[in-house]
N, C-alpha and C. Protein backbone atom coordinates (compact mmCIF):
# COMPACT_ATOMS: atom_id res chain seq x y z
N MET A 1 96.19 100.09 90.19
CA MET A 1 96.96 100.96 90.89
C MET A 1 96.24 102.17 91.37
N ALA A 2 95.42 102.52 90.42
CA ALA A 2 94.76 103.99 90.88
C ALA A 2 93.69 104.03 91.98
N GLN A 3 93.21 102.71 92.25
CA GLN A 3 92.24 102.38 93.47
C GLN A 3 93.06 102.08 94.71
N LEU A 4 94.30 101.95 94.64
CA LEU A 4 94.93 101.56 95.96
C LEU A 4 94.89 102.80 96.89
N ARG A 5 94.62 102.46 98.16
CA ARG A 5 94.50 103.62 99.50
C ARG A 5 95.78 103.59 100.08
N PRO A 6 96.01 104.52 101.00
CA PRO A 6 97.20 104.45 101.81
C PRO A 6 97.37 103.05 102.49
N GLY A 7 96.28 102.42 103.04
CA GLY A 7 96.65 101.26 103.90
C GLY A 7 96.96 100.25 102.98
N ASP A 8 96.39 100.00 101.68
CA ASP A 8 96.71 99.13 100.74
C ASP A 8 98.09 99.41 100.42
N LEU A 9 98.69 100.31 100.26
CA LEU A 9 100.13 100.57 99.73
C LEU A 9 100.96 100.29 100.80
N ALA A 10 100.60 100.54 102.04
CA ALA A 10 101.46 100.16 103.12
C ALA A 10 101.39 98.75 103.24
N ASP A 11 100.29 98.06 103.27
CA ASP A 11 100.28 96.65 103.07
C ASP A 11 101.09 95.94 102.13
N CYS A 12 101.15 96.46 100.89
CA CYS A 12 102.01 96.02 99.88
C CYS A 12 103.44 96.08 100.25
N ALA A 13 103.88 97.17 100.73
CA ALA A 13 105.27 97.48 101.34
C ALA A 13 105.51 96.38 102.31
N TRP A 14 104.68 96.05 103.33
CA TRP A 14 104.96 95.11 104.27
C TRP A 14 105.16 93.68 103.73
N ALA A 15 104.18 93.46 102.99
CA ALA A 15 104.36 92.07 102.36
C ALA A 15 105.59 92.04 101.49
N PHE A 16 106.04 92.85 100.75
CA PHE A 16 107.23 92.99 99.92
C PHE A 16 108.42 92.60 100.90
N ALA A 17 108.34 93.44 101.97
CA ALA A 17 109.54 93.11 102.94
C ALA A 17 109.67 92.01 103.54
N HIS A 18 108.56 91.37 104.01
CA HIS A 18 108.50 90.00 104.53
C HIS A 18 108.75 88.95 103.64
N LEU A 19 108.47 89.16 102.47
CA LEU A 19 108.59 87.98 101.34
C LEU A 19 110.01 88.26 100.61
N ARG A 20 110.66 89.46 100.92
CA ARG A 20 112.00 89.88 100.18
C ARG A 20 111.57 89.60 98.72
N TYR A 21 110.38 90.47 98.31
CA TYR A 21 110.06 90.47 96.88
C TYR A 21 110.45 91.81 96.51
N GLN A 22 110.98 91.77 95.18
CA GLN A 22 111.36 92.98 94.61
C GLN A 22 110.32 93.10 93.30
N PRO A 23 109.52 94.14 93.66
CA PRO A 23 108.69 94.58 92.39
C PRO A 23 109.43 95.07 91.29
N SER A 24 108.41 95.09 90.15
CA SER A 24 109.11 95.50 88.87
C SER A 24 109.39 96.83 88.70
N GLU A 25 110.18 97.51 87.87
CA GLU A 25 110.37 98.93 87.81
C GLU A 25 109.10 99.56 87.43
N PRO A 26 108.33 99.10 86.41
CA PRO A 26 107.10 99.70 86.29
C PRO A 26 106.20 99.96 87.43
N TRP A 27 106.14 98.73 88.29
CA TRP A 27 105.34 98.77 89.43
C TRP A 27 105.66 99.81 90.30
N GLU A 28 107.14 99.91 90.53
CA GLU A 28 107.62 100.74 91.25
C GLU A 28 107.40 102.41 90.81
N ARG A 29 107.49 102.59 89.69
CA ARG A 29 107.16 103.89 88.95
C ARG A 29 105.48 104.31 89.31
N ASP A 30 104.75 103.20 89.04
CA ASP A 30 103.45 103.57 89.36
C ASP A 30 102.97 103.76 90.82
N ALA A 31 103.61 103.12 91.53
CA ALA A 31 103.47 103.07 93.09
C ALA A 31 104.09 104.49 93.59
N VAL A 32 104.93 104.87 92.99
CA VAL A 32 105.63 106.19 93.41
C VAL A 32 104.44 107.27 93.13
N ARG A 33 103.93 107.31 92.00
CA ARG A 33 102.88 108.32 91.42
C ARG A 33 101.82 108.25 92.30
N ARG A 34 101.19 106.97 92.61
CA ARG A 34 100.14 106.69 93.50
C ARG A 34 100.30 107.16 94.94
N VAL A 35 101.25 106.88 95.39
CA VAL A 35 101.78 107.33 96.85
C VAL A 35 101.84 108.99 96.86
N GLY A 36 102.35 109.56 95.82
CA GLY A 36 102.45 110.88 95.78
C GLY A 36 101.03 111.55 95.85
N ALA A 37 100.08 110.83 95.19
CA ALA A 37 98.72 111.40 94.75
C ALA A 37 98.02 111.36 96.33
N VAL A 38 98.32 110.25 97.14
CA VAL A 38 97.48 110.04 98.24
C VAL A 38 98.26 110.34 99.64
N LEU A 39 99.62 110.91 99.42
CA LEU A 39 100.58 110.93 100.46
C LEU A 39 99.82 111.75 101.72
N PRO A 40 99.06 112.87 101.52
CA PRO A 40 98.55 113.41 102.67
C PRO A 40 97.54 112.51 103.37
N ASP A 41 97.00 111.47 102.90
CA ASP A 41 96.02 110.70 103.48
C ASP A 41 96.54 109.49 104.40
N PHE A 42 98.04 109.36 104.27
CA PHE A 42 98.62 108.43 105.24
C PHE A 42 98.42 108.68 106.72
N THR A 43 98.44 107.81 107.45
CA THR A 43 98.57 108.00 108.87
C THR A 43 100.05 107.98 109.22
N PRO A 44 100.56 108.33 110.31
CA PRO A 44 101.99 108.17 110.42
C PRO A 44 102.48 106.78 110.59
N GLN A 45 101.61 105.83 111.08
CA GLN A 45 101.84 104.47 111.09
C GLN A 45 101.94 103.74 109.68
N GLN A 46 100.96 104.24 108.78
CA GLN A 46 101.16 103.68 107.34
C GLN A 46 102.13 104.10 106.69
N LEU A 47 102.54 105.35 106.84
CA LEU A 47 103.87 105.88 106.08
C LEU A 47 105.11 105.35 106.83
N GLY A 48 105.02 104.88 107.99
CA GLY A 48 106.35 104.54 108.57
C GLY A 48 106.53 103.09 108.06
N VAL A 49 105.36 102.10 107.95
CA VAL A 49 105.40 100.90 107.38
C VAL A 49 105.89 100.88 105.86
N LEU A 50 105.27 101.98 105.07
CA LEU A 50 105.57 102.13 103.86
C LEU A 50 107.01 102.38 103.65
N LEU A 51 107.61 103.23 104.41
CA LEU A 51 109.12 103.70 104.28
C LEU A 51 109.87 102.39 104.64
N TRP A 52 109.50 101.72 105.67
CA TRP A 52 110.18 100.65 106.26
C TRP A 52 110.33 99.45 105.00
N GLY A 53 109.07 99.19 104.58
CA GLY A 53 108.92 98.13 103.55
C GLY A 53 109.65 98.35 102.29
N TRP A 54 109.84 99.66 101.70
CA TRP A 54 110.45 100.01 100.61
C TRP A 54 111.85 100.01 100.86
N ARG A 55 112.25 100.51 101.91
CA ARG A 55 113.96 100.31 102.33
C ARG A 55 114.30 98.91 102.55
N SER A 56 113.43 98.08 103.03
CA SER A 56 113.77 96.76 103.24
C SER A 56 114.13 96.00 101.87
N VAL A 57 113.42 96.42 100.75
CA VAL A 57 113.88 95.61 99.46
C VAL A 57 114.44 96.64 98.64
N GLN A 58 115.25 97.52 99.28
CA GLN A 58 116.13 98.54 98.41
C GLN A 58 115.38 99.33 97.39
N LEU A 59 114.12 99.78 97.44
CA LEU A 59 113.54 100.64 96.54
C LEU A 59 113.79 101.92 97.04
N HIS A 60 113.82 102.99 95.89
CA HIS A 60 114.01 104.34 96.27
C HIS A 60 112.97 104.71 96.93
N VAL A 61 113.32 105.90 98.10
CA VAL A 61 112.22 106.51 98.89
C VAL A 61 112.31 107.93 98.36
N PRO A 62 111.45 108.66 97.79
CA PRO A 62 111.41 109.96 97.54
C PRO A 62 111.65 110.80 98.75
N ASP A 63 112.53 111.76 98.75
CA ASP A 63 112.77 112.64 99.87
C ASP A 63 111.42 113.12 100.49
N ARG A 64 110.52 113.46 99.61
CA ARG A 64 109.19 114.15 99.87
C ARG A 64 108.35 113.17 101.12
N TRP A 65 108.39 111.88 100.79
CA TRP A 65 107.84 110.85 101.67
C TRP A 65 108.43 111.02 102.98
N GLN A 66 109.73 111.12 103.06
CA GLN A 66 110.59 111.11 104.44
C GLN A 66 110.25 112.55 105.13
N ASP A 67 110.10 113.64 104.39
CA ASP A 67 109.94 114.87 104.88
C ASP A 67 108.54 114.87 105.64
N VAL A 68 107.42 114.17 104.89
CA VAL A 68 106.08 114.19 105.52
C VAL A 68 106.24 113.18 106.60
N PHE A 69 106.80 112.05 106.61
CA PHE A 69 106.92 111.31 107.96
C PHE A 69 107.58 112.17 108.97
N ALA A 70 108.52 112.89 108.75
CA ALA A 70 109.24 113.74 109.76
C ALA A 70 108.26 114.87 110.37
N ALA A 71 107.46 115.34 109.51
CA ALA A 71 106.56 116.31 109.96
C ALA A 71 105.54 115.72 110.80
N ALA A 72 105.03 114.47 110.47
CA ALA A 72 104.00 113.87 111.17
C ALA A 72 104.52 113.27 112.48
N SER A 73 105.71 112.92 112.41
CA SER A 73 106.61 112.50 113.55
C SER A 73 106.47 113.68 114.65
N ASP A 74 106.90 114.92 114.29
CA ASP A 74 107.06 115.97 114.98
C ASP A 74 105.71 116.26 115.66
N ALA A 75 104.80 116.26 114.79
CA ALA A 75 103.29 116.48 115.28
C ALA A 75 103.01 115.52 116.39
N LEU A 76 103.24 114.17 116.16
CA LEU A 76 102.86 113.38 117.29
C LEU A 76 103.66 113.51 118.37
N LEU A 77 105.07 113.84 118.25
CA LEU A 77 105.66 114.15 119.55
C LEU A 77 105.15 115.10 120.25
N ALA A 78 104.95 116.27 119.62
CA ALA A 78 104.36 117.63 120.16
C ALA A 78 103.03 117.25 120.94
N ALA A 79 102.34 116.42 120.44
CA ALA A 79 100.98 115.97 121.22
C ALA A 79 101.15 115.03 122.20
N GLY A 80 102.47 114.47 122.41
CA GLY A 80 102.70 113.52 123.29
C GLY A 80 102.16 112.07 123.05
N GLN A 81 102.23 111.72 121.70
CA GLN A 81 101.86 110.38 121.28
C GLN A 81 102.86 109.59 120.83
N ARG A 82 103.89 109.31 121.79
CA ARG A 82 104.96 108.55 121.47
C ARG A 82 104.69 107.03 121.00
N ARG A 83 103.67 106.57 121.63
CA ARG A 83 103.25 105.23 121.43
C ARG A 83 103.03 104.79 119.95
N ASP A 84 102.51 105.65 119.03
CA ASP A 84 102.22 105.51 117.78
C ASP A 84 103.40 105.50 117.06
N LEU A 85 104.55 106.32 117.38
CA LEU A 85 105.88 106.15 116.71
C LEU A 85 106.72 104.93 117.14
N ALA A 86 106.36 104.58 118.37
CA ALA A 86 107.02 103.29 118.74
C ALA A 86 106.44 102.06 117.79
N ALA A 87 105.21 102.13 117.55
CA ALA A 87 104.52 101.08 116.81
C ALA A 87 105.24 100.89 115.51
N VAL A 88 105.80 101.87 114.84
CA VAL A 88 106.43 101.56 113.61
C VAL A 88 108.02 101.82 113.84
N GLY A 89 108.50 101.81 114.87
CA GLY A 89 109.83 101.50 115.11
C GLY A 89 110.80 102.74 115.08
N VAL A 90 109.98 103.97 115.12
CA VAL A 90 110.68 105.36 114.89
C VAL A 90 111.40 105.63 116.34
N LEU A 91 110.65 105.44 117.45
CA LEU A 91 111.02 105.67 118.71
C LEU A 91 110.89 104.44 119.66
N PRO A 92 111.79 104.27 120.74
CA PRO A 92 111.57 103.12 121.45
C PRO A 92 110.23 103.27 122.30
N ALA A 93 109.52 102.10 122.50
CA ALA A 93 108.38 102.13 123.31
C ALA A 93 108.52 102.84 124.70
N PRO A 94 107.38 103.61 125.10
CA PRO A 94 107.63 104.18 126.34
C PRO A 94 107.69 103.17 127.57
N ALA A 95 108.42 103.45 128.51
CA ALA A 95 108.59 102.70 129.78
C ALA A 95 107.09 102.39 130.36
N SER A 96 107.02 101.22 130.92
CA SER A 96 105.63 100.80 131.61
C SER A 96 105.68 101.58 133.02
N ASN A 97 104.52 102.30 133.33
CA ASN A 97 104.24 102.91 134.45
C ASN A 97 104.01 102.12 135.63
N SER A 98 103.72 100.69 135.29
CA SER A 98 103.18 99.86 136.47
C SER A 98 104.26 99.42 137.23
N ALA A 99 103.91 99.36 138.45
CA ALA A 99 104.94 99.04 139.59
C ALA A 99 105.15 97.46 139.74
N ALA A 100 106.36 97.09 139.87
CA ALA A 100 106.68 95.66 139.78
C ALA A 100 106.58 95.08 141.29
């Protein structure tokens, strides 16, 4: 667990959600500690996948993770990067600018 990087943790959450796999309580405790240690290194997309995956299998999502995701979302919105948040389902995808 100590070697898992943010992308690895997000991938685990994605796999758990898709497989409807409920990890053990010891695994969940260790993962919460590991995520807490590397939380600043997550991209908004990785954090969004992590939150979605954990919620999908009814794991507890600490408030701190949600606060960090909200702050990252605000920063992306301020920078006009809506597409990144759309990729993780936080905002709808921007309308296409192409003429039909």
